């Protein structure tokens, strides 16, 4: 199993949720509000520590634990829907899951 994590623009979430509804056996996802700032080489840096500590934009973070064979398709959908080519589109990363247990079982 793998965990897909993505930080995306909030406006992209409705389309992403709709796309995942078409996945057979979609495992579900956790959605959280997030704020952050990334390293953008072409963006001028703010002056002073105060600017650096307050230059955050609102984002959405999603987490999905999925079977290995489902990961590539899910990441492709995230990229297709959330990529605009603009600075701040977000990030996606995948990590291994050593153990997964549903608490209801």
PDB file of N, CA and C in Angstrom:
ATOM      1  N   UNK A   1       0.836  -1.178   0.000  1.00  0.00           N
ATOM      2  CA  UNK A   1       0.000   0.000   0.000  1.00  0.00           C
ATOM      3  C   UNK A   1       0.879   1.237   0.000  1.00  0.00           C
ATOM      4  N   UNK A   2       0.289   2.321  -0.481  1.00  0.00           N
ATOM      5  CA  UNK A   2       0.979   3.612  -0.548  1.00  0.00           C
ATOM      6  C   UNK A   2       0.048   4.708  -0.040  1.00  0.00           C
ATOM      7  N   UNK A   3       0.650   5.776   0.427  1.00  0.00           N
ATOM      8  CA  UNK A   3      -0.110   6.953   0.812  1.00  0.00           C
ATOM      9  C   UNK A   3       0.201   8.067  -0.172  1.00  0.00           C
ATOM     10  N   UNK A   4      -0.847   8.593  -0.764  1.00  0.00           N
ATOM     11  CA  UNK A   4      -0.729   9.734  -1.672  1.00  0.00           C
ATOM     12  C   UNK A   4      -1.069  10.970  -0.862  1.00  0.00           C
ATOM     13  N   UNK A   5      -0.183  11.944  -0.878  1.00  0.00           N
ATOM     14  CA  UNK A   5      -0.437  13.212  -0.213  1.00  0.00           C
ATOM     15  C   UNK A   5      -0.324  14.301  -1.265  1.00  0.00           C
ATOM     16  N   UNK A   6      -1.212  15.258  -1.189  1.00  0.00           N
ATOM     17  CA  UNK A   6      -1.185  16.362  -2.148  1.00  0.00           C
ATOM     18  C   UNK A   6      -1.612  17.640  -1.446  1.00  0.00           C
ATOM     19  N   UNK A   7      -0.975  18.721  -1.818  1.00  0.00           N
ATOM     20  CA  UNK A   7      -1.368  20.057  -1.380  1.00  0.00           C
ATOM     21  C   UNK A   7      -1.802  20.778  -2.649  1.00  0.00           C
ATOM     22  N   UNK A   8      -3.067  21.214  -2.674  1.00  0.00           N
ATOM     23  CA  UNK A   8      -3.649  21.772  -3.889  1.00  0.00           C
ATOM     24  C   UNK A   8      -4.372  23.080  -3.595  1.00  0.00           C
ATOM     25  N   UNK A   9      -4.722  23.788  -4.640  1.00  0.00           N
ATOM     26  CA  UNK A   9      -5.535  24.995  -4.493  1.00  0.00           C
ATOM     27  C   UNK A   9      -6.961  24.598  -4.118  1.00  0.00           C
ATOM     28  N   UNK A  10      -7.573  25.319  -3.182  1.00  0.00           N
ATOM     29  CA  UNK A  10      -8.924  24.967  -2.731  1.00  0.00           C
ATOM     30  C   UNK A  10      -9.961  24.914  -3.850  1.00  0.00           C
ATOM     31  N   UNK A  11      -9.840  25.751  -4.850  1.00  0.00           N
ATOM     32  CA  UNK A  11     -10.808  25.776  -5.936  1.00  0.00           C
ATOM     33  C   UNK A  11     -10.815  24.517  -6.786  1.00  0.00           C
ATOM     34  N   UNK A  12      -9.787  23.704  -6.683  1.00  0.00           N
ATOM     35  CA  UNK A  12      -9.691  22.468  -7.478  1.00  0.00           C
ATOM     36  C   UNK A  12     -10.335  21.273  -6.781  1.00  0.00           C
ATOM     37  N   UNK A  13     -10.638  21.404  -5.496  1.00  0.00           N
ATOM     38  CA  UNK A  13     -11.158  20.265  -4.742  1.00  0.00           C
ATOM     39  C   UNK A  13     -12.477  19.725  -5.280  1.00  0.00           C
ATOM     40  N   UNK A  14     -13.481  20.542  -5.599  1.00  0.00           N
ATOM     41  CA  UNK A  14     -14.739  19.965  -6.106  1.00  0.00           C
ATOM     42  C   UNK A  14     -14.558  19.096  -7.351  1.00  0.00           C
ATOM     43  N   UNK A  15     -13.752  19.541  -8.294  1.00  0.00           N
ATOM     44  CA  UNK A  15     -13.517  18.742  -9.513  1.00  0.00           C
ATOM     45  C   UNK A  15     -12.760  17.458  -9.184  1.00  0.00           C
ATOM     46  N   UNK A  16     -11.827  17.546  -8.252  1.00  0.00           N
ATOM     47  CA  UNK A  16     -11.053  16.365  -7.874  1.00  0.00           C
ATOM     48  C   UNK A  16     -11.960  15.338  -7.191  1.00  0.00           C
ATOM     49  N   UNK A  17     -12.812  15.776  -6.287  1.00  0.00           N
ATOM     50  CA  UNK A  17     -13.739  14.858  -5.633  1.00  0.00           C
ATOM     51  C   UNK A  17     -14.654  14.190  -6.650  1.00  0.00           C
ATOM     52  N   UNK A  18     -15.136  14.954  -7.592  1.00  0.00           N
ATOM     53  CA  UNK A  18     -16.014  14.396  -8.628  1.00  0.00           C
ATOM     54  C   UNK A  18     -15.270  13.340  -9.456  1.00  0.00           C
ATOM     55  N   UNK A  19     -14.036  13.623  -9.789  1.00  0.00           N
ATOM     56  CA  UNK A  19     -13.246  12.653 -10.568  1.00  0.00           C
ATOM     57  C   UNK A  19     -13.031  11.361  -9.788  1.00  0.00           C
ATOM     58  N   UNK A  20     -12.764  11.474  -8.496  1.00  0.00           N
ATOM     59  CA  UNK A  20     -12.538  10.275  -7.694  1.00  0.00           C
ATOM     60  C   UNK A  20     -13.817   9.464  -7.492  1.00  0.00           C
ATOM     61  N   UNK A  21     -14.973  10.071  -7.638  1.00  0.00           N
ATOM     62  CA  UNK A  21     -16.233   9.327  -7.530  1.00  0.00           C
ATOM     63  C   UNK A  21     -16.353   8.277  -8.638  1.00  0.00           C
ATOM     64  N   UNK A  22     -15.629   8.481  -9.736  1.00  0.00           N
ATOM     65  CA  UNK A  22     -15.685   7.547 -10.864  1.00  0.00           C
ATOM     66  C   UNK A  22     -14.695   6.396 -10.730  1.00  0.00           C
ATOM     67  N   UNK A  23     -13.876   6.408  -9.687  1.00  0.00           N
ATOM     68  CA  UNK A  23     -12.944   5.308  -9.453  1.00  0.00           C
ATOM     69  C   UNK A  23     -13.699   4.163  -8.775  1.00  0.00           C
ATOM     70  N   UNK A  24     -13.625   2.982  -9.364  1.00  0.00           N
ATOM     71  CA  UNK A  24     -14.212   1.814  -8.712  1.00  0.00           C
ATOM     72  C   UNK A  24     -13.434   1.531  -7.427  1.00  0.00           C
ATOM     73  N   UNK A  25     -14.130   1.268  -6.361  1.00  0.00           N
ATOM     74  CA  UNK A  25     -13.503   0.944  -5.071  1.00  0.00           C
ATOM     75  C   UNK A  25     -12.578   2.042  -4.547  1.00  0.00           C
ATOM     76  N   UNK A  26     -12.950   3.302  -4.776  1.00  0.00           N
ATOM     77  CA  UNK A  26     -12.130   4.400  -4.249  1.00  0.00           C
ATOM     78  C   UNK A  26     -12.048   4.267  -2.726  1.00  0.00           C
ATOM     79  N   UNK A  27     -10.845   4.305  -2.160  1.00  0.00           N
ATOM     80  CA  UNK A  27     -10.698   4.031  -0.733  1.00  0.00           C
ATOM     81  C   UNK A  27     -11.101   5.192   0.182  1.00  0.00           C
ATOM     82  N   UNK A  28     -11.362   6.357  -0.377  1.00  0.00           N
ATOM     83  CA  UNK A  28     -11.684   7.529   0.434  1.00  0.00           C
ATOM     84  C   UNK A  28     -10.457   8.406   0.625  1.00  0.00           C
ATOM     85  N   UNK A  29     -10.689   9.595   1.149  1.00  0.00           N
ATOM     86  CA  UNK A  29      -9.569  10.502   1.372  1.00  0.00           C
ATOM     87  C   UNK A  29      -9.862  11.398   2.558  1.00  0.00           C
ATOM     88  N   UNK A  30      -8.809  11.891   3.149  1.00  0.00           N
ATOM     89  CA  UNK A  30      -8.893  12.869   4.218  1.00  0.00           C
ATOM     90  C   UNK A  30      -8.570  14.219   3.616  1.00  0.00           C
ATOM     91  N   UNK A  31      -9.374  15.224   3.954  1.00  0.00           N
ATOM     92  CA  UNK A  31      -9.185  16.569   3.420  1.00  0.00           C
ATOM     93  C   UNK A  31      -8.996  17.518   4.591  1.00  0.00           C
ATOM     94  N   UNK A  32      -7.941  18.329   4.519  1.00  0.00           N
ATOM     95  CA  UNK A  32      -7.636  19.286   5.585  1.00  0.00           C
ATOM     96  C   UNK A  32      -7.326  20.647   4.989  1.00  0.00           C
ATOM     97  N   UNK A  33      -7.656  21.674   5.725  1.00  0.00           N
ATOM     98  CA  UNK A  33      -7.224  23.019   5.336  1.00  0.00           C
ATOM     99  C   UNK A  33      -5.758  23.156   5.720  1.00  0.00           C
ATOM    100  N   UNK A  34      -5.020  23.840   4.874  1.00  0.00           N
ATOM    101  CA  UNK A  34      -3.596  24.028   5.136  1.00  0.00           C
ATOM    102  C   UNK A  34      -3.178  25.408   4.652  1.00  0.00           C
ATOM    103  N   UNK A  35      -2.062  25.865   5.146  1.00  0.00           N
ATOM    104  CA  UNK A  35      -1.438  27.085   4.656  1.00  0.00           C
ATOM    105  C   UNK A  35       0.027  26.780   4.465  1.00  0.00           C
ATOM    106  N   UNK A  36       0.627  27.418   3.489  1.00  0.00           N
ATOM    107  CA  UNK A  36       2.035  27.164   3.278  1.00  0.00           C
ATOM    108  C   UNK A  36       2.634  28.064   2.229  1.00  0.00           C
ATOM    109  N   UNK A  37       3.917  27.961   2.109  1.00  0.00           N
ATOM    110  CA  UNK A  37       4.677  28.693   1.107  1.00  0.00           C
ATOM    111  C   UNK A  37       5.764  27.766   0.608  1.00  0.00           C
ATOM    112  N   UNK A  38       6.035  27.856  -0.662  1.00  0.00           N
ATOM    113  CA  UNK A  38       7.047  26.993  -1.249  1.00  0.00           C
ATOM    114  C   UNK A  38       8.214  27.794  -1.772  1.00  0.00           C
ATOM    115  N   UNK A  39       9.188  27.084  -2.276  1.00  0.00           N
ATOM    116  CA  UNK A  39      10.359  27.706  -2.876  1.00  0.00           C
ATOM    117  C   UNK A  39      10.085  27.874  -4.364  1.00  0.00           C
ATOM    118  N   UNK A  40       9.947  29.101  -4.787  1.00  0.00           N
ATOM    119  CA  UNK A  40       9.698  29.397  -6.191  1.00  0.00           C
ATOM    120  C   UNK A  40      10.862  30.230  -6.712  1.00  0.00           C
ATOM    121  N   UNK A  41      11.766  29.615  -7.489  1.00  0.00           N
ATOM    122  CA  UNK A  41      12.988  30.297  -7.922  1.00  0.00           C
ATOM    123  C   UNK A  41      12.731  31.608  -8.675  1.00  0.00           C
ATOM    124  N   UNK A  42      11.628  31.720  -9.400  1.00  0.00           N
ATOM    125  CA  UNK A  42      11.371  32.922 -10.188  1.00  0.00           C
ATOM    126  C   UNK A  42      10.572  33.976  -9.435  1.00  0.00           C
ATOM    127  N   UNK A  43      10.203  33.670  -8.187  1.00  0.00           N
ATOM    128  CA  UNK A  43       9.426  34.613  -7.381  1.00  0.00           C
ATOM    129  C   UNK A  43      10.377  35.375  -6.473  1.00  0.00           C
ATOM    130  N   UNK A  44      10.310  36.716  -6.469  1.00  0.00           N
ATOM    131  CA  UNK A  44      11.200  37.466  -5.583  1.00  0.00           C
ATOM    132  C   UNK A  44      10.889  37.165  -4.119  1.00  0.00           C
ATOM    133  N   UNK A  45      11.916  37.043  -3.321  1.00  0.00           N
ATOM    134  CA  UNK A  45      11.758  36.773  -1.895  1.00  0.00           C
ATOM    135  C   UNK A  45      11.314  38.039  -1.180  1.00  0.00           C
ATOM    136  N   UNK A  46      10.473  37.867  -0.162  1.00  0.00           N
ATOM    137  CA  UNK A  46      10.032  39.011   0.627  1.00  0.00           C
ATOM    138  C   UNK A  46      11.197  39.534   1.466  1.00  0.00           C
ATOM    139  N   UNK A  47      11.114  40.782   1.810  1.00  0.00           N
ATOM    140  CA  UNK A  47      12.165  41.396   2.607  1.00  0.00           C
ATOM    141  C   UNK A  47      11.909  41.158   4.089  1.00  0.00           C
ATOM    142  N   UNK A  48      12.861  40.616   4.779  1.00  0.00           N
ATOM    143  CA  UNK A  48      12.775  40.453   6.225  1.00  0.00           C
ATOM    144  C   UNK A  48      12.074  39.183   6.661  1.00  0.00           C
ATOM    145  N   UNK A  49      12.346  38.820   7.908  1.00  0.00           N
ATOM    146  CA  UNK A  49      11.806  37.585   8.465  1.00  0.00           C
ATOM    147  C   UNK A  49      10.294  37.657   8.626  1.00  0.00           C
ATOM    148  N   UNK A  50       9.745  38.825   8.947  1.00  0.00           N
ATOM    149  CA  UNK A  50       8.301  38.965   9.115  1.00  0.00           C
ATOM    150  C   UNK A  50       7.574  38.603   7.817  1.00  0.00           C
ATOM    151  N   UNK A  51       8.057  39.089   6.718  1.00  0.00           N
ATOM    152  CA  UNK A  51       7.455  38.762   5.429  1.00  0.00           C
ATOM    153  C   UNK A  51       7.538  37.285   5.109  1.00  0.00           C
ATOM    154  N   UNK A  52       8.685  36.681   5.428  1.00  0.00           N
ATOM    155  CA  UNK A  52       8.855  35.258   5.153  1.00  0.00           C
ATOM    156  C   UNK A  52       7.938  34.389   6.015  1.00  0.00           C
ATOM    157  N   UNK A  53       7.674  34.813   7.231  1.00  0.00           N
ATOM    158  CA  UNK A  53       6.850  34.024   8.134  1.00  0.00           C
ATOM    159  C   UNK A  53       5.352  34.234   7.926  1.00  0.00           C
ATOM    160  N   UNK A  54       4.970  35.260   7.194  1.00  0.00           N
ATOM    161  CA  UNK A  54       3.545  35.535   6.998  1.00  0.00           C
ATOM    162  C   UNK A  54       3.108  35.392   5.550  1.00  0.00           C
ATOM    163  N   UNK A  55       4.002  34.995   4.658  1.00  0.00           N
ATOM    164  CA  UNK A  55       3.682  34.876   3.238  1.00  0.00           C
ATOM    165  C   UNK A  55       3.141  33.484   2.922  1.00  0.00           C
ATOM    166  N   UNK A  56       2.004  33.138   3.548  1.00  0.00           N
ATOM    167  CA  UNK A  56       1.390  31.838   3.319  1.00  0.00           C
ATOM    168  C   UNK A  56       0.120  32.000   2.512  1.00  0.00           C
ATOM    169  N   UNK A  57      -0.185  30.999   1.696  1.00  0.00           N
ATOM    170  CA  UNK A  57      -1.435  31.000   0.943  1.00  0.00           C
ATOM    171  C   UNK A  57      -2.285  29.829   1.415  1.00  0.00           C
ATOM    172  N   UNK A  58      -3.578  29.975   1.308  1.00  0.00           N
ATOM    173  CA  UNK A  58      -4.512  28.925   1.720  1.00  0.00           C
ATOM    174  C   UNK A  58      -4.466  27.788   0.704  1.00  0.00           C
ATOM    175  N   UNK A  59      -4.410  26.591   1.219  1.00  0.00           N
ATOM    176  CA  UNK A  59      -4.342  25.380   0.407  1.00  0.00           C
ATOM    177  C   UNK A  59      -5.242  24.317   1.011  1.00  0.00           C
ATOM    178  N   UNK A  60      -5.390  23.233   0.291  1.00  0.00           N
ATOM    179  CA  UNK A  60      -6.064  22.032   0.770  1.00  0.00           C
ATOM    180  C   UNK A  60      -5.053  20.894   0.712  1.00  0.00           C
ATOM    181  N   UNK A  61      -5.010  20.101   1.768  1.00  0.00           N
ATOM    182  CA  UNK A  61      -4.144  18.925   1.786  1.00  0.00           C
ATOM    183  C   UNK A  61      -5.046  17.696   1.777  1.00  0.00           C
ATOM    184  N   UNK A  62      -4.750  16.797   0.875  1.00  0.00           N
ATOM    185  CA  UNK A  62      -5.500  15.540   0.829  1.00  0.00           C
ATOM    186  C   UNK A  62      -4.548  14.379   1.082  1.00  0.00           C
ATOM    187  N   UNK A  63      -5.100  13.337   1.692  1.00  0.00           N
ATOM    188  CA  UNK A  63      -4.343  12.118   1.947  1.00  0.00           C
ATOM    189  C   UNK A  63      -5.203  10.923   1.556  1.00  0.00           C
ATOM    190  N   UNK A  64      -4.618  10.016   0.811  1.00  0.00           N
ATOM    191  CA  UNK A  64      -5.316   8.820   0.346  1.00  0.00           C
ATOM    192  C   UNK A  64      -4.390   7.626   0.570  1.00  0.00           C
ATOM    193  N   UNK A  65      -4.893   6.588   1.200  1.00  0.00           N
ATOM    194  CA  UNK A  65      -4.144   5.329   1.308  1.00  0.00           C
ATOM    195  C   UNK A  65      -4.763   4.374   0.296  1.00  0.00           C
ATOM    196  N   UNK A  66      -3.932   3.913  -0.634  1.00  0.00           N
ATOM    197  CA  UNK A  66      -4.449   3.118  -1.759  1.00  0.00           C
ATOM    198  C   UNK A  66      -3.550   1.916  -2.030  1.00  0.00           C
ATOM    199  N   UNK A  67      -4.127   0.968  -2.738  1.00  0.00           N
ATOM    200  CA  UNK A  67      -3.358  -0.193  -3.189  1.00  0.00           C
ATOM    201  C   UNK A  67      -2.306   0.265  -4.205  1.00  0.00           C
ATOM    202  N   UNK A  68      -1.188  -0.408  -4.243  1.00  0.00           N
ATOM    203  CA  UNK A  68      -0.085  -0.021  -5.126  1.00  0.00           C
ATOM    204  C   UNK A  68      -0.528   0.148  -6.577  1.00  0.00           C
ATOM    205  N   UNK A  69      -1.370  -0.769  -7.062  1.00  0.00           N
ATOM    206  CA  UNK A  69      -1.763  -0.724  -8.473  1.00  0.00           C
ATOM    207  C   UNK A  69      -2.705   0.444  -8.792  1.00  0.00           C
ATOM    208  N   UNK A  70      -3.257   1.110  -7.784  1.00  0.00           N
ATOM    209  CA  UNK A  70      -4.172   2.234  -8.002  1.00  0.00           C
ATOM    210  C   UNK A  70      -3.477   3.598  -7.975  1.00  0.00           C
ATOM    211  N   UNK A  71      -2.267   3.631  -7.454  1.00  0.00           N
ATOM    212  CA  UNK A  71      -1.593   4.902  -7.170  1.00  0.00           C
ATOM    213  C   UNK A  71      -1.318   5.727  -8.428  1.00  0.00           C
ATOM    214  N   UNK A  72      -0.773   5.132  -9.446  1.00  0.00           N
ATOM    215  CA  UNK A  72      -0.406   5.889 -10.654  1.00  0.00           C
ATOM    216  C   UNK A  72      -1.626   6.581 -11.263  1.00  0.00           C
ATOM    217  N   UNK A  73      -2.753   5.888 -11.325  1.00  0.00           N
ATOM    218  CA  UNK A  73      -3.961   6.491 -11.898  1.00  0.00           C
ATOM    219  C   UNK A  73      -4.464   7.641 -11.040  1.00  0.00           C
ATOM    220  N   UNK A  74      -4.403   7.495  -9.725  1.00  0.00           N
ATOM    221  CA  UNK A  74      -4.863   8.561  -8.833  1.00  0.00           C
ATOM    222  C   UNK A  74      -3.967   9.785  -8.913  1.00  0.00           C
ATOM    223  N   UNK A  75      -2.670   9.568  -8.950  1.00  0.00           N
ATOM    224  CA  UNK A  75      -1.734  10.685  -9.080  1.00  0.00           C
ATOM    225  C   UNK A  75      -1.952  11.393 -10.426  1.00  0.00           C
ATOM    226  N   UNK A  76      -2.198  10.625 -11.466  1.00  0.00           N
ATOM    227  CA  UNK A  76      -2.448  11.223 -12.785  1.00  0.00           C
ATOM    228  C   UNK A  76      -3.691  12.110 -12.766  1.00  0.00           C
ATOM    229  N   UNK A  77      -4.735  11.676 -12.070  1.00  0.00           N
ATOM    230  CA  UNK A  77      -5.956  12.480 -11.975  1.00  0.00           C
ATOM    231  C   UNK A  77      -5.697  13.757 -11.181  1.00  0.00           C
ATOM    232  N   UNK A  78      -4.962  13.645 -10.092  1.00  0.00           N
ATOM    233  CA  UNK A  78      -4.626  14.840  -9.302  1.00  0.00           C
ATOM    234  C   UNK A  78      -3.869  15.832 -10.172  1.00  0.00           C
ATOM    235  N   UNK A  79      -2.885  15.356 -10.891  1.00  0.00           N
ATOM    236  CA  UNK A  79      -2.093  16.249 -11.748  1.00  0.00           C
ATOM    237  C   UNK A  79      -2.959  16.867 -12.845  1.00  0.00           C
ATOM    238  N   UNK A  80      -3.778  16.056 -13.489  1.00  0.00           N
ATOM    239  CA  UNK A  80      -4.610  16.556 -14.586  1.00  0.00           C
ATOM    240  C   UNK A  80      -5.548  17.671 -14.115  1.00  0.00           C
ATOM    241  N   UNK A  81      -6.145  17.493 -12.964  1.00  0.00           N
ATOM    242  CA  UNK A  81      -7.135  18.458 -12.485  1.00  0.00           C
ATOM    243  C   UNK A  81      -6.497  19.659 -11.797  1.00  0.00           C
ATOM    244  N   UNK A  82      -5.412  19.450 -11.087  1.00  0.00           N
ATOM    245  CA  UNK A  82      -4.855  20.517 -10.253  1.00  0.00           C
ATOM    246  C   UNK A  82      -3.721  21.305 -10.910  1.00  0.00           C
ATOM    247  N   UNK A  83      -3.176  20.825 -11.994  1.00  0.00           N
ATOM    248  CA  UNK A  83      -2.088  21.527 -12.675  1.00  0.00           C
ATOM    249  C   UNK A  83      -2.638  22.617 -13.582  1.00  0.00           C
ATOM    250  N   UNK A  84      -2.187  23.852 -13.351  1.00  0.00           N
ATOM    251  CA  UNK A  84      -2.553  24.962 -14.236  1.00  0.00           C
ATOM    252  C   UNK A  84      -1.331  25.571 -14.902  1.00  0.00           C
ATOM    253  N   UNK A  85      -0.149  25.207 -14.400  1.00  0.00           N
ATOM    254  CA  UNK A  85       1.076  25.801 -14.910  1.00  0.00           C
ATOM    255  C   UNK A  85       1.468  27.069 -14.176  1.00  0.00           C
ATOM    256  N   UNK A  86       0.694  27.436 -13.177  1.00  0.00           N
ATOM    257  CA  UNK A  86       0.960  28.652 -12.420  1.00  0.00           C
ATOM    258  C   UNK A  86       1.747  28.333 -11.151  1.00  0.00           C
ATOM    259  N   UNK A  87       2.510  29.307 -10.679  1.00  0.00           N
ATOM    260  CA  UNK A  87       3.198  29.178  -9.402  1.00  0.00           C
ATOM    261  C   UNK A  87       2.163  28.925  -8.319  1.00  0.00           C
ATOM    262  N   UNK A  88       2.433  27.954  -7.466  1.00  0.00           N
ATOM    263  CA  UNK A  88       1.528  27.665  -6.363  1.00  0.00           C
ATOM    264  C   UNK A  88       0.478  26.621  -6.657  1.00  0.00           C
ATOM    265  N   UNK A  89       0.600  25.898  -7.775  1.00  0.00           N
ATOM    266  CA  UNK A  89      -0.358  24.835  -8.085  1.00  0.00           C
ATOM    267  C   UNK A  89      -0.409  23.784  -6.981  1.00  0.00           C
ATOM    268  N   UNK A  90       0.697  23.539  -6.334  1.00  0.00           N
ATOM    269  CA  UNK A  90       0.748  22.562  -5.253  1.00  0.00           C
ATOM    270  C   UNK A  90       1.786  21.497  -5.508  1.00  0.00           C
ATOM    271  N   UNK A  91       1.712  20.446  -4.712  1.00  0.00           N
ATOM    272  CA  UNK A  91       2.662  19.333  -4.799  1.00  0.00           C
ATOM    273  C   UNK A  91       1.930  18.018  -4.553  1.00  0.00           C
ATOM    274  N   UNK A  92       2.517  16.927  -5.030  1.00  0.00           N
ATOM    275  CA  UNK A  92       2.004  15.577  -4.780  1.00  0.00           C
ATOM    276  C   UNK A  92       3.201  14.704  -4.451  1.00  0.00           C
ATOM    277  N   UNK A  93       3.042  13.855  -3.441  1.00  0.00           N
ATOM    278  CA  UNK A  93       4.095  12.892  -3.156  1.00  0.00           C
ATOM    279  C   UNK A  93       3.470  11.597  -2.665  1.00  0.00           C
ATOM    280  N   UNK A  94       4.222  10.516  -2.820  1.00  0.00           N
ATOM    281  CA  UNK A  94       3.740   9.181  -2.480  1.00  0.00           C
ATOM    282  C   UNK A  94       4.752   8.530  -1.558  1.00  0.00           C
ATOM    283  N   UNK A  95       4.238   7.916  -0.479  1.00  0.00           N
ATOM    284  CA  UNK A  95       5.113   7.240   0.485  1.00  0.00           C
ATOM    285  C   UNK A  95       4.582   5.833   0.747  1.00  0.00           C
ATOM    286  N   UNK A  96       5.470   4.905   1.113  1.00  0.00           N
ATOM    287  CA  UNK A  96       5.017   3.551   1.426  1.00  0.00           C
ATOM    288  C   UNK A  96       4.243   3.526   2.749  1.00  0.00           C
ATOM    289  N   UNK A  97       3.308   2.597   2.850  1.00  0.00           N
ATOM    290  CA  UNK A  97       2.554   2.383   4.081  1.00  0.00           C
ATOM    291  C   UNK A  97       2.923   0.993   4.590  1.00  0.00           C
ATOM    292  N   UNK A  98       3.525   0.940   5.753  1.00  0.00           N
ATOM    293  CA  UNK A  98       3.948  -0.340   6.321  1.00  0.00           C
ATOM    294  C   UNK A  98       2.794  -1.110   6.942  1.00  0.00           C
ATOM    295  N   UNK A  99       1.820  -0.371   7.460  1.00  0.00           N
ATOM    296  CA  UNK A  99       0.703  -1.019   8.135  1.00  0.00           C
ATOM    297  C   UNK A  99      -0.543  -0.165   7.958  1.00  0.00           C
ATOM    298  N   UNK A 100      -1.697  -0.825   7.819  1.00  0.00           N
ATOM    299  CA  UNK A 100      -2.965  -0.125   7.669  1.00  0.00           C
ATOM    300  C   UNK A 100      -4.026  -0.946   8.367  1.00  0.00           C
ATOM    301  N   UNK A 101      -4.782  -0.329   9.255  1.00  0.00           N
ATOM    302  CA  UNK A 101      -5.796  -1.034  10.021  1.00  0.00           C
ATOM    303  C   UNK A 101      -7.042  -0.162  10.127  1.00  0.00           C
ATOM    304  N   UNK A 102      -8.164  -0.696   9.719  1.00  0.00           N
ATOM    305  CA  UNK A 102      -9.442   0.004   9.909  1.00  0.00           C
ATOM    306  C   UNK A 102      -9.892  -0.231  11.344  1.00  0.00           C
ATOM    307  N   UNK A 103     -10.206   0.821  12.048  1.00  0.00           N
ATOM    308  CA  UNK A 103     -10.561   0.700  13.448  1.00  0.00           C
ATOM    309  C   UNK A 103     -11.896   0.002  13.665  1.00  0.00           C
ATOM    310  N   UNK A 104     -12.754   0.010  12.667  1.00  0.00           N
ATOM    311  CA  UNK A 104     -14.059  -0.648  12.816  1.00  0.00           C
ATOM    312  C   UNK A 104     -13.954  -2.164  12.793  1.00  0.00           C
ATOM    313  N   UNK A 105     -12.849  -2.692  12.306  1.00  0.00           N
ATOM    314  CA  UNK A 105     -12.708  -4.159  12.166  1.00  0.00           C
ATOM    315  C   UNK A 105     -12.082  -4.778  13.379  1.00  0.00           C
TER     316      UNK A 105
END
